Protein backbone atom coordinates (compact mmCIF):
# COMPACT_ATOMS: atom_id res chain seq x y z
CA MET A 1 14.91 -2.37 -21.24
CA ALA A 2 15.20 0.92 -20.48
CA ALA A 3 12.43 1.23 -17.69
CA ALA A 4 14.35 -1.61 -16.25
CA GLY A 5 16.98 0.46 -15.09
CA CYS A 6 15.13 3.17 -13.17
CA SER A 7 14.38 3.01 -9.62
CA GLU A 8 10.93 4.38 -9.78
CA PRO A 9 7.96 2.09 -10.33
CA LEU A 10 6.37 2.68 -14.03
CA VAL A 11 2.51 1.74 -14.18
CA THR A 12 2.51 -1.80 -13.50
CA ILE A 13 6.55 -2.56 -13.50
CA PRO A 14 7.99 -2.53 -10.14
CA GLY A 15 11.06 -0.15 -9.37
CA GLY A 16 13.71 0.06 -6.55
CA GLU A 17 14.26 2.68 -3.93
CA LEU A 18 11.89 5.75 -4.11
CA ALA A 19 13.14 9.09 -3.53
CA GLY A 20 11.29 11.91 -1.61
CA ALA A 21 11.81 14.26 1.58
CA ASP A 22 10.99 11.79 4.83
CA ARG A 23 7.53 13.23 6.38
CA GLN A 24 5.80 12.20 9.62
CA PRO A 25 2.46 10.72 8.81
CA PRO A 26 -0.78 12.74 9.23
CA ASP A 27 -2.96 12.29 12.16
CA VAL A 28 -5.65 11.59 9.51
CA TRP A 29 -5.07 10.21 6.26
CA GLY A 30 -7.65 12.40 4.31
CA ASP A 31 -7.21 12.81 0.54
CA VAL A 32 -5.44 9.94 -0.49
CA PRO A 33 -4.57 9.94 -4.13
CA ASP A 34 -5.92 7.26 -6.15
CA THR A 35 -2.56 5.46 -6.71
CA ILE A 36 0.13 5.88 -4.05
CA GLN A 37 3.61 4.12 -4.22
CA LEU A 38 4.68 1.28 -1.75
CA GLU A 39 8.40 0.14 -1.18
CA THR A 40 8.80 -2.90 0.71
CA ARG A 41 12.06 -4.99 1.14
CA PRO A 42 14.11 -2.26 2.62
CA ALA A 43 17.24 -4.43 2.11
CA ASP A 44 16.78 -4.81 -1.70
CA PRO A 45 13.97 -2.14 -1.98
CA TYR A 46 11.21 -3.19 -4.68
CA SER A 47 8.32 -0.61 -5.20
CA ILE A 48 5.29 -0.60 -6.68
CA ASN A 49 2.21 1.71 -7.88
CA ILE A 50 -0.97 0.60 -5.98
CA TRP A 51 -4.39 1.46 -4.84
CA GLY A 52 -4.59 2.86 -1.23
CA VAL A 53 -7.07 4.36 1.05
CA GLY A 54 -7.02 6.22 4.11
CA ILE A 55 -9.58 5.52 7.08
CA GLY A 56 -9.29 8.29 9.94
CA SER A 57 -5.76 8.03 10.87
CA GLU A 58 -5.09 4.60 9.30
CA LEU A 59 -3.78 4.16 5.35
CA TYR A 60 -4.34 0.67 3.84
CA VAL A 61 -3.26 -1.30 0.62
CA ALA A 62 -4.50 -4.35 -0.49
CA THR A 63 -4.09 -7.14 -3.04
CA SER A 64 -5.86 -11.03 -4.17
CA GLY A 65 -6.33 -13.45 -1.14
CA ASP A 66 -3.32 -15.26 -2.87
CA GLY A 67 -0.90 -12.15 -2.52
CA THR A 68 1.65 -11.40 -4.77
CA THR A 69 5.55 -10.64 -4.86
CA TRP A 70 5.25 -7.61 -2.57
CA THR A 71 3.18 -9.58 0.08
CA SER A 72 6.19 -11.96 0.28
CA PHE A 73 8.66 -9.24 1.08
CA ILE A 74 6.15 -8.14 4.07
CA GLU A 75 6.38 -11.35 5.44
CA ASN A 76 9.92 -11.31 5.94
CA ASP A 77 10.32 -7.38 7.08
CA ARG A 78 7.29 -5.35 8.00
CA ASN A 79 8.92 -2.06 7.36
CA VAL A 80 7.90 -0.30 4.30
CA ARG A 81 7.93 3.26 2.96
CA VAL A 82 4.99 4.90 1.21
CA ARG A 83 5.27 7.78 -1.45
CA ILE A 84 2.41 10.60 -1.75
CA ASP A 85 2.58 13.85 -3.20
CA GLY A 86 6.43 13.69 -3.28
CA GLY A 87 6.74 12.90 0.56
CA LEU A 88 8.09 9.77 2.19
CA TYR A 89 6.58 7.86 5.24
CA ARG A 90 8.04 5.37 6.98
CA LEU A 91 5.77 2.72 8.15
CA GLN A 92 4.97 -0.87 8.89
CA ALA A 93 2.68 -3.38 7.27
CA ALA A 94 -0.05 -5.41 9.55
CA LEU A 95 -2.13 -7.86 7.96
CA VAL A 96 -5.60 -7.27 8.67
CA GLU A 97 -7.70 -10.35 9.66
CA ASN A 98 -10.24 -8.51 12.03
CA ASP A 99 -13.90 -9.10 9.89
CA GLY A 100 -14.97 -5.66 11.26
CA GLU A 101 -11.98 -3.81 10.20
CA ARG A 102 -11.81 -5.62 6.80
CA GLY A 103 -15.41 -4.91 6.02
CA ARG A 104 -14.66 -1.30 6.70
CA VAL A 105 -11.52 -1.36 4.11
CA ALA A 106 -13.81 -2.96 1.58
CA LEU A 107 -16.46 -0.17 1.92
CA ALA A 108 -13.72 2.47 1.51
CA TYR A 109 -12.54 0.77 -1.55
CA SER A 110 -15.87 0.60 -2.96
CA ASP A 111 -16.55 4.00 -2.55
CA LYS A 112 -13.26 5.02 -3.51
CA TYR A 113 -12.71 2.97 -6.58
CA GLU A 114 -16.27 1.82 -7.29
CA VAL A 115 -15.69 -1.87 -7.22
CA ASP A 116 -18.39 -4.29 -5.53
CA PRO A 117 -17.18 -4.53 -1.71
CA HIS A 118 -18.50 -8.10 -1.80
CA GLU A 119 -16.58 -9.82 -4.53
CA GLY A 120 -13.34 -10.68 -5.47
CA TRP A 121 -10.04 -8.93 -3.99
CA VAL A 122 -12.20 -6.57 -2.01
CA SER A 123 -13.48 -8.90 0.39
CA GLU A 124 -11.28 -12.05 0.22
CA GLY A 125 -8.03 -10.30 -0.25
CA MET A 126 -5.18 -9.62 1.70
CA ILE A 127 -5.51 -6.19 3.39
CA PHE A 128 -2.76 -4.72 5.30
CA ARG A 129 -2.79 -1.38 7.61
CA LEU A 130 0.36 0.55 7.41
CA GLU A 131 1.25 1.43 10.98
CA ARG A 132 3.35 4.15 12.48
CA PRO A 133 6.31 2.08 13.66
């Protein structure tokens, strides 16, 4: 019960508003940690720990094809914040539908997390590009 009152996500338990210093997004998302934190629904913040990949100037997150709680929040408000290494980045989520871009992201996830890029959520999931507003 104590974890429910915390604002930070804890392993697989979602949290609320993320704390940290606002930063400008980098020109290149180089060494993105294995797990980043994503905050959705600015009016009533909802945050999670999630895998993410950087490809050049773009940052991506993904989930299963059926979506999840946070994907429904993005449908209503694209504004998100990402916390990486204590810094907060204000971004906007855009669903990736282009097959070429989806393929590049699937390969990046495969390389980083050693998952099969042709099975499950990697190839059939919802992929979001987190863009500069």
